[in-house]
Amino acid sequence: MTDTAHERRALAARLAQAGVLSSPHWRAAVEAVPRELFLHPGVFLPAEDGRWRPVTAVGTDPAEWVQIAYRDESLTTQLDGHLTADQASGPVTGSPTSSSTTPVTVVDMLEKLDVDDGHQVLEIGTGTGYSSALMCFRLGEDNVTTVEVDPDVSARADAALETAGYSTWTVTGDGLLGHPCRAPFDRVIATCAVRRIPYAWIRQTKPGGIVLATVGGSWHYGTGLAKVTVAEDGTAEGEIIGRSSFMQARAQAEAPIGGDLSARTAYADSERESKVSPLLLEEWMPAFLAQLAAPGARFTRATSLEGSRLLYLFDPDRESFAAFVDNDGTWMVRQGGPVALWDAIEQALTAWQEAGRPDITQVRLRVTQESHTYWVDGHPALRWQHHLI
């Protein structure tokens, strides 16, 4: 096996220079844990025409494999919930369903978890097992429990952890439920995105403990890293501490909106000029706010046969839509269904603009067994409560 000590030290140096690695404990972990062990049997690299090129650990030049393993980027390890690189003989199409997240994101989250010696940590989403190994090095394997919903992914992570010298508490099952294996925990960290923090995670965290998770809708951006502290009464409160992007938890993942979009939006109940441009939804903070104002909404882009840009909002559960047309710089919106999706989002975006466009880091949240509440201090119009059914 190729010695990658030099690459690990170089990675730690880059992470420190980027400002995400400051603790000597986590630096020691990055320098000790070989990332390449957690990429077997291989990865998919972006290729032409939106396809993926499989690269396997076995059969690839060792120097090239090491170079790939220590790239400062996320590396896709599974497509469509089952396909791994060793099962593909050439470029393939598919949607990523498991990956080794970029080390910048992994280490930044671990630093923000504020762990201390002796803390018991629950990780939701084992994935490749790389972040699990970093936590095992920092805290000791007996203090780390990791949950993975995909049994194949879990098996590969277990094998990699064993090769790296760790035997942590790995649970295969529905990570959204949170398993009561060793509760309560001092820290809970999710390496997947969720529409809202499951209350089970709050319930399994000690008072004073921290839950760290990426929250937002099913959009590929416009999500935030929530950090909440659990109180004695079983509630949790905190803030969005920055932007964050992860694959959606399997139990909450949604299929892309497809079919004939023009047919789905053929019968509108109203049509008017929009007060704000729907292009705002392509910006991070407005996208986050839109998902607070209309939690079930999903943003879709398309192109007409004539090549013009088309924008849509759909809420499949409420059978509602909003369709946008650019009329020489003026956006017209057509809405249909029982819920006027754009009305709620437009109101939120207008209030945000009037408040001086506060950043996502100014959003606070409170989690109870009954609801999630988000707000921006000092701005009553920027407040949303999502009741749990």
Protein backbone atom coordinates (compact mmCIF):
# COMPACT_ATOMS: atom_id res chain seq x y z
CA MET A 1 0.00 0.00 0.00
CA THR A 2 1.32 3.43 -0.95
CA ASP A 3 2.39 5.58 2.00
CA THR A 4 0.33 8.77 1.85
CA ALA A 5 1.70 10.50 4.95
CA HIS A 6 3.03 13.35 2.80
CA GLU A 7 -0.37 13.84 1.13
CA ARG A 8 -2.16 13.80 4.48
CA ARG A 9 0.14 16.45 5.92
CA ALA A 10 -0.30 18.53 2.77
CA LEU A 11 -4.09 18.19 3.06
CA ALA A 12 -3.99 19.34 6.68
CA ALA A 13 -1.85 22.32 5.68
CA ARG A 14 -4.32 23.32 2.94
CA LEU A 15 -7.26 23.01 5.33
CA ALA A 16 -5.49 25.15 7.91
CA GLN A 17 -4.66 27.74 5.26
CA ALA A 18 -8.33 27.74 4.19
CA GLY A 19 -9.26 28.59 7.77
CA VAL A 20 -11.34 25.48 8.50
CA LEU A 21 -8.74 23.51 10.50
CA SER A 22 -7.54 25.10 13.74
CA SER A 23 -7.67 22.43 16.45
CA PRO A 24 -4.46 20.42 16.92
CA HIS A 25 -6.64 17.39 17.71
CA TRP A 26 -8.43 17.51 14.36
CA ARG A 27 -5.17 18.29 12.56
CA ALA A 28 -3.67 15.13 14.03
CA ALA A 29 -6.73 13.19 12.83
CA VAL A 30 -6.45 14.52 9.26
CA GLU A 31 -2.74 13.68 9.20
CA ALA A 32 -3.40 10.16 10.53
CA VAL A 33 -6.45 8.92 8.58
CA PRO A 34 -5.78 7.84 4.96
CA ARG A 35 -8.65 9.14 2.84
CA GLU A 36 -7.87 6.68 0.02
CA LEU A 37 -8.95 3.73 2.19
CA PHE A 38 -12.49 5.11 2.20
CA LEU A 39 -12.88 5.33 -1.57
CA HIS A 40 -12.92 1.61 -2.38
CA PRO A 41 -13.86 0.06 -4.70
CA GLY A 42 -13.58 3.30 -6.66
CA VAL A 43 -15.05 6.64 -7.65
CA PHE A 44 -16.90 8.24 -10.53
CA LEU A 45 -15.29 11.32 -12.07
CA PRO A 46 -17.27 13.78 -14.21
CA ALA A 47 -16.95 13.05 -17.94
CA GLU A 48 -18.34 14.59 -21.12
CA ASP A 49 -22.05 14.90 -21.83
CA GLY A 50 -22.98 14.70 -18.16
CA ARG A 51 -21.71 11.13 -17.81
CA TRP A 52 -19.44 9.64 -15.17
CA ARG A 53 -16.09 7.92 -15.71
CA PRO A 54 -15.42 5.02 -13.30
CA VAL A 55 -11.98 4.86 -11.70
CA THR A 56 -11.22 1.86 -9.48
CA ALA A 57 -8.60 1.57 -6.77
CA VAL A 58 -7.48 -1.76 -8.15
CA GLY A 59 -6.15 -1.38 -11.66
CA THR A 60 -5.35 2.33 -11.42
CA ASP A 61 -1.77 3.55 -11.22
CA PRO A 62 -1.05 4.05 -7.48
CA ALA A 63 0.24 7.58 -8.01
CA GLU A 64 -2.89 8.54 -9.95
CA TRP A 65 -5.15 6.97 -7.33
CA VAL A 66 -3.45 8.94 -4.55
CA GLN A 67 -3.73 12.14 -6.58
CA ILE A 68 -7.47 11.53 -6.99
CA ALA A 69 -7.97 10.65 -3.32
CA TYR A 70 -6.45 13.91 -2.10
CA ARG A 71 -8.26 16.26 -4.44
CA ASP A 72 -9.97 19.13 -2.70
CA GLU A 73 -13.39 18.04 -3.93
CA SER A 74 -16.24 15.64 -3.29
CA LEU A 75 -15.80 12.26 -4.95
CA THR A 76 -18.86 10.31 -6.05
CA THR A 77 -18.78 6.68 -4.92
CA GLN A 78 -22.26 5.46 -5.90
CA LEU A 79 -24.84 6.22 -8.59
CA ASP A 80 -28.59 5.60 -8.53
CA GLY A 81 -28.50 3.89 -5.16
CA HIS A 82 -26.57 0.82 -6.29
CA LEU A 83 -23.91 1.31 -8.97
CA THR A 84 -20.26 1.39 -7.90
CA ALA A 85 -17.19 2.04 -10.05
CA ASP A 86 -16.11 -1.61 -10.18
CA GLN A 87 -19.46 -2.49 -11.80
CA ALA A 88 -19.03 -0.10 -14.74
CA SER A 89 -16.79 -0.79 -17.72
CA GLY A 90 -16.96 2.71 -19.18
CA PRO A 91 -18.63 6.13 -18.85
CA VAL A 92 -22.18 5.89 -17.50
CA THR A 93 -25.10 8.15 -16.69
CA GLY A 94 -26.71 8.37 -13.29
CA SER A 95 -27.42 10.48 -10.23
CA PRO A 96 -24.94 10.50 -7.32
CA THR A 97 -26.34 8.85 -4.20
CA SER A 98 -23.21 8.48 -2.08
CA SER A 99 -19.92 10.34 -2.00
CA SER A 100 -16.84 11.23 -0.04
CA THR A 101 -17.56 14.86 0.77
CA THR A 102 -14.83 17.41 0.16
CA PRO A 103 -12.45 17.48 3.16
CA VAL A 104 -13.02 21.23 3.55
CA THR A 105 -16.69 20.59 4.36
CA VAL A 106 -16.03 17.53 6.52
CA VAL A 107 -13.39 19.15 8.69
CA ASP A 108 -15.24 22.46 8.93
CA MET A 109 -18.28 20.64 10.33
CA LEU A 110 -16.19 18.61 12.76
CA GLU A 111 -14.55 21.78 14.07
CA LYS A 112 -17.96 23.41 14.50
CA LEU A 113 -19.26 20.40 16.43
CA ASP A 114 -17.24 21.62 19.46
CA VAL A 115 -16.43 18.16 20.78
CA ASP A 116 -14.43 17.50 23.91
CA ASP A 117 -12.67 14.44 25.27
CA GLY A 118 -15.14 11.77 26.39
CA HIS A 119 -18.04 13.06 24.32
CA GLN A 120 -20.40 10.49 22.83
CA VAL A 121 -21.21 11.37 19.20
CA LEU A 122 -23.95 10.09 16.91
CA GLU A 123 -23.26 10.47 13.19
CA ILE A 124 -26.20 10.27 10.80
CA GLY A 125 -24.99 9.12 7.39
CA THR A 126 -21.84 7.01 7.56
CA GLY A 127 -21.22 7.26 3.83
CA THR A 128 -17.67 6.20 3.03
CA GLY A 129 -16.71 6.23 6.70
CA TYR A 130 -14.00 8.87 6.36
CA SER A 131 -15.57 11.34 8.79
CA SER A 132 -16.36 8.42 11.14
CA ALA A 133 -12.65 7.54 11.16
CA LEU A 134 -11.64 11.12 11.90
CA MET A 135 -14.01 11.13 14.88
CA CYS A 136 -12.75 7.73 16.04
CA PHE A 137 -9.20 9.05 16.02
CA ARG A 138 -10.20 12.20 17.91
CA LEU A 139 -12.60 10.70 20.47
CA GLY A 140 -11.88 6.97 20.52
CA GLU A 141 -13.91 4.39 18.66
CA ASP A 142 -16.04 3.53 21.69
CA ASN A 143 -17.42 7.09 21.71
CA VAL A 144 -18.63 7.14 18.11
CA THR A 145 -21.90 5.67 16.82
CA THR A 146 -22.64 6.00 13.12
CA VAL A 147 -25.87 5.25 11.25
CA GLU A 148 -26.19 4.40 7.54
CA VAL A 149 -29.46 3.57 5.78
CA ASP A 150 -27.85 1.79 2.79
CA PRO A 151 -26.57 -1.70 3.79
CA ASP A 152 -24.11 -1.86 0.87
CA VAL A 153 -22.62 1.53 1.74
CA SER A 154 -22.50 0.52 5.40
CA ALA A 155 -20.66 -2.72 4.59
CA ARG A 156 -18.02 -0.88 2.56
CA ALA A 157 -17.59 1.73 5.30
CA ASP A 158 -17.20 -1.00 7.94
CA ALA A 159 -14.51 -2.71 5.84
CA ALA A 160 -12.66 0.59 5.36
CA LEU A 161 -12.88 1.44 9.06
CA GLU A 162 -11.54 -1.99 9.96
CA THR A 163 -8.65 -1.58 7.52
CA ALA A 164 -7.90 1.79 9.11
CA GLY A 165 -7.87 0.12 12.53
CA TYR A 166 -11.25 1.18 13.91
CA SER A 167 -14.26 -0.81 15.07
CA THR A 168 -16.92 1.76 15.91
CA TRP A 169 -20.62 1.30 16.63
CA THR A 170 -22.12 1.13 13.15
CA VAL A 171 -25.89 0.83 12.77
CA THR A 172 -27.57 0.00 9.47
CA GLY A 173 -31.13 1.28 9.26
CA ASP A 174 -33.18 4.43 8.97
CA GLY A 175 -30.87 7.20 10.09
CA LEU A 176 -33.79 9.60 10.34
CA LEU A 177 -35.18 7.68 13.28
CA GLY A 178 -31.91 7.83 15.19
CA HIS A 179 -31.24 4.57 16.99
CA PRO A 180 -31.31 4.44 20.79
CA CYS A 181 -28.09 2.42 20.87
CA ARG A 182 -26.18 4.57 23.33
CA ALA A 183 -28.39 7.58 23.91
CA PRO A 184 -28.27 10.19 25.12
CA PHE A 185 -25.45 11.66 23.07
CA ASP A 186 -23.39 14.78 23.66
CA ARG A 187 -23.28 15.58 19.96
CA VAL A 188 -25.29 14.62 16.86
CA ILE A 189 -23.92 15.38 13.39
CA ALA A 190 -25.67 14.69 10.09
CA THR A 191 -23.68 14.28 6.88
CA CYS A 192 -26.82 14.47 4.76
CA ALA A 193 -29.40 17.20 4.21
CA VAL A 194 -32.85 17.08 5.81
CA ARG A 195 -35.94 19.21 5.27
CA ARG A 196 -36.16 19.58 9.04
CA ILE A 197 -34.30 18.17 12.02
CA PRO A 198 -36.09 15.01 13.22
CA TYR A 199 -37.20 15.43 16.81
CA ALA A 200 -35.75 11.98 17.56
CA TRP A 201 -32.30 13.52 17.21
CA ILE A 202 -33.20 16.17 19.78
CA ARG A 203 -34.65 13.57 22.11
CA GLN A 204 -31.45 11.52 21.97
CA THR A 205 -29.19 14.46 22.80
CA LYS A 206 -28.27 15.41 26.35
CA PRO A 207 -29.33 18.81 27.69
CA GLY A 208 -26.56 21.18 26.70
CA GLY A 209 -25.65 18.93 23.76
CA ILE A 210 -25.40 20.08 20.16
CA VAL A 211 -27.11 18.93 16.97
CA LEU A 212 -25.43 19.95 13.71
CA ALA A 213 -27.30 19.34 10.45
CA THR A 214 -27.87 20.78 6.99
CA VAL A 215 -31.49 21.90 6.66
CA GLY A 216 -33.57 23.01 3.68
CA GLY A 217 -35.73 21.65 0.93
CA SER A 218 -34.97 19.34 -1.95
CA TRP A 219 -33.14 22.02 -3.95
CA HIS A 220 -29.44 21.45 -4.64
CA TYR A 221 -28.56 24.77 -2.99
CA GLY A 222 -30.24 27.24 -0.68
CA THR A 223 -29.63 25.04 2.37
CA GLY A 224 -28.05 26.06 5.66
CA LEU A 225 -25.98 24.47 8.40
CA ALA A 226 -28.09 24.52 11.54
CA LYS A 227 -26.43 24.35 14.96
CA VAL A 228 -28.86 23.98 17.86
CA THR A 229 -28.33 23.38 21.56
CA VAL A 230 -30.73 21.12 23.44
CA ALA A 231 -32.39 22.52 26.56
CA GLU A 232 -33.57 20.78 29.73
CA ASP A 233 -37.19 20.95 28.53
CA GLY A 234 -36.45 18.92 25.40
CA THR A 235 -36.51 21.85 22.99
CA ALA A 236 -33.52 23.04 20.98
CA GLU A 237 -32.54 26.49 19.78
CA GLY A 238 -29.73 27.93 17.72
CA GLU A 239 -28.96 29.44 14.36
CA ILE A 240 -27.94 28.83 10.79
CA ILE A 241 -24.18 29.22 10.97
CA GLY A 242 -23.45 29.16 7.26
CA ARG A 243 -24.20 27.73 3.85
CA SER A 244 -24.04 23.98 3.49
CA SER A 245 -24.79 21.49 0.75
CA PHE A 246 -25.21 17.72 1.13
CA MET A 247 -27.06 14.96 -0.63
CA GLN A 248 -30.55 14.60 0.76
CA ALA A 249 -31.24 11.88 3.29
CA ARG A 250 -32.57 8.83 1.45
CA ALA A 251 -35.89 8.86 3.32
CA GLN A 252 -36.47 12.47 2.26
CA ALA A 253 -35.05 12.37 -1.27
CA GLU A 254 -37.51 13.26 -4.00
CA ALA A 255 -37.55 12.32 -7.66
CA PRO A 256 -36.95 15.21 -10.08
CA ILE A 257 -40.00 16.93 -11.51
CA GLY A 258 -40.44 15.46 -14.99
CA GLY A 259 -42.95 14.98 -17.77
CA ASP A 260 -44.55 17.65 -19.91
CA LEU A 261 -44.16 20.75 -17.75
CA SER A 262 -46.31 22.88 -20.07
CA ALA A 263 -49.16 20.39 -19.68
CA ARG A 264 -48.78 20.39 -15.90
CA THR A 265 -49.15 24.18 -15.89
CA ALA A 266 -51.79 24.51 -18.62
CA TYR A 267 -54.69 25.50 -16.38
CA ALA A 268 -53.90 28.50 -14.22
CA ASP A 269 -56.22 30.21 -11.75
CA SER A 270 -54.48 33.58 -12.01
CA GLU A 271 -51.92 35.52 -14.00
CA ARG A 272 -50.16 38.75 -13.04
CA GLU A 273 -46.89 40.65 -13.11
CA SER A 274 -44.46 39.50 -10.45
CA LYS A 275 -43.28 42.09 -7.93
CA VAL A 276 -39.81 40.52 -7.76
CA SER A 277 -37.79 38.54 -10.27
CA PRO A 278 -37.96 34.75 -9.90
CA LEU A 279 -34.26 34.77 -10.86
CA LEU A 280 -33.67 35.58 -7.19
CA LEU A 281 -34.39 31.90 -6.55
CA GLU A 282 -31.02 31.13 -8.16
CA GLU A 283 -29.31 32.93 -5.28
CA TRP A 284 -28.55 31.08 -2.03
CA MET A 285 -30.31 33.15 0.62
CA PRO A 286 -33.48 33.83 -1.43
CA ALA A 287 -33.67 30.11 -2.21
CA PHE A 288 -33.40 29.32 1.51
CA LEU A 289 -36.15 31.85 2.32
CA ALA A 290 -38.37 30.47 -0.44
CA GLN A 291 -38.20 27.04 1.12
CA LEU A 292 -39.16 28.50 4.50
CA ALA A 293 -42.12 30.35 3.00
CA ALA A 294 -43.31 27.38 0.90
CA PRO A 295 -41.73 24.20 2.38
CA GLY A 296 -43.21 21.87 -0.23
CA ALA A 297 -42.16 23.94 -3.24
CA ARG A 298 -39.61 22.66 -5.73
CA PHE A 299 -37.85 24.91 -8.20
CA THR A 300 -37.45 23.66 -11.78
CA ARG A 301 -35.70 25.17 -14.79
CA ALA A 302 -36.41 24.31 -18.42
CA THR A 303 -35.92 25.65 -21.93
CA SER A 304 -38.64 26.12 -24.53
CA LEU A 305 -38.37 24.77 -28.07
CA GLU A 306 -37.50 28.30 -29.13
CA GLY A 307 -34.65 28.42 -26.63
CA SER A 308 -36.21 30.81 -24.11
CA ARG A 309 -35.78 30.30 -20.39
CA LEU A 310 -38.65 28.79 -18.41
CA LEU A 311 -38.95 28.74 -14.62
CA TYR A 312 -41.42 26.75 -12.54
CA LEU A 313 -42.40 26.10 -8.94
CA PHE A 314 -44.27 22.90 -8.11
CA ASP A 315 -45.71 21.56 -4.87
CA PRO A 316 -46.73 17.97 -5.76
CA ASP A 317 -48.36 17.30 -2.39
CA ARG A 318 -50.66 20.32 -2.72
CA GLU A 319 -51.07 19.99 -6.49
CA SER A 320 -50.07 23.62 -6.95
CA PHE A 321 -47.73 25.39 -9.35
CA ALA A 322 -46.32 28.73 -10.44
CA ALA A 323 -44.97 29.25 -13.96
CA PHE A 324 -42.91 32.27 -15.01
CA VAL A 325 -42.49 33.92 -18.40
CA ASP A 326 -40.01 36.70 -19.17
CA ASN A 327 -41.90 39.42 -21.05
CA ASP A 328 -39.14 41.82 -22.21
CA GLY A 329 -37.65 42.10 -18.75
CA THR A 330 -40.95 41.91 -16.90
CA TRP A 331 -41.74 38.56 -15.33
CA MET A 332 -45.30 37.30 -15.52
CA VAL A 333 -46.42 34.59 -13.14
CA ARG A 334 -49.27 32.11 -13.67
CA GLN A 335 -50.45 30.19 -10.62
CA GLY A 336 -52.72 27.20 -10.24
CA GLY A 337 -53.93 24.87 -7.51
CA PRO A 338 -55.22 25.42 -3.98
CA VAL A 339 -52.01 27.16 -2.79
CA ALA A 340 -50.63 30.36 -4.36
CA LEU A 341 -46.99 29.34 -4.06
CA TRP A 342 -45.48 32.50 -5.47
CA ASP A 343 -47.59 34.80 -3.27
CA ALA A 344 -46.01 33.37 -0.12
CA ILE A 345 -42.49 33.36 -1.55
CA GLU A 346 -42.83 36.82 -3.08
CA GLN A 347 -43.94 38.22 0.27
CA ALA A 348 -40.91 36.66 1.98
CA LEU A 349 -38.48 37.98 -0.62
CA THR A 350 -39.98 41.47 -0.46
CA ALA A 351 -39.71 41.49 3.34
CA TRP A 352 -36.11 40.29 3.06
CA GLN A 353 -35.23 43.10 0.66
CA GLU A 354 -36.90 45.69 2.89
CA ALA A 355 -34.94 44.33 5.87
CA GLY A 356 -31.66 45.04 4.07
CA ARG A 357 -31.07 41.54 2.69
CA PRO A 358 -29.84 39.83 5.89
CA ASP A 359 -27.47 36.91 5.41
CA ILE A 360 -28.38 33.29 6.08
CA THR A 361 -26.27 33.43 9.26
CA GLN A 362 -28.84 35.82 10.77
CA VAL A 363 -31.55 33.14 10.69
CA ARG A 364 -32.37 31.57 14.05
CA LEU A 365 -34.42 28.45 14.69
CA ARG A 366 -36.18 26.65 17.49
CA VAL A 367 -37.12 22.97 17.40
CA THR A 368 -39.87 21.43 19.53
CA GLN A 369 -41.78 18.19 19.30
CA GLU A 370 -44.64 20.08 17.65
CA SER A 371 -42.92 22.50 15.28
CA HIS A 372 -39.88 24.20 13.78
CA THR A 373 -39.74 27.99 13.96
CA TYR A 374 -37.35 30.14 11.93
CA TRP A 375 -36.89 33.89 12.29
CA VAL A 376 -34.58 36.87 11.82
CA ASP A 377 -34.32 39.01 14.95
CA GLY A 378 -35.91 42.43 14.64
CA HIS A 379 -37.96 41.60 11.56
CA PRO A 380 -41.44 40.19 12.40
CA ALA A 381 -42.23 39.64 8.71
CA LEU A 382 -39.31 37.21 8.51
CA ARG A 383 -40.73 34.49 10.73
CA TRP A 384 -42.08 31.06 9.76
CA GLN A 385 -43.46 28.18 11.81
CA HIS A 386 -43.68 24.69 10.37
CA HIS A 387 -46.00 22.45 12.36
CA LEU A 388 -45.13 18.74 12.43
CA ILE A 389 -47.86 16.30 11.58
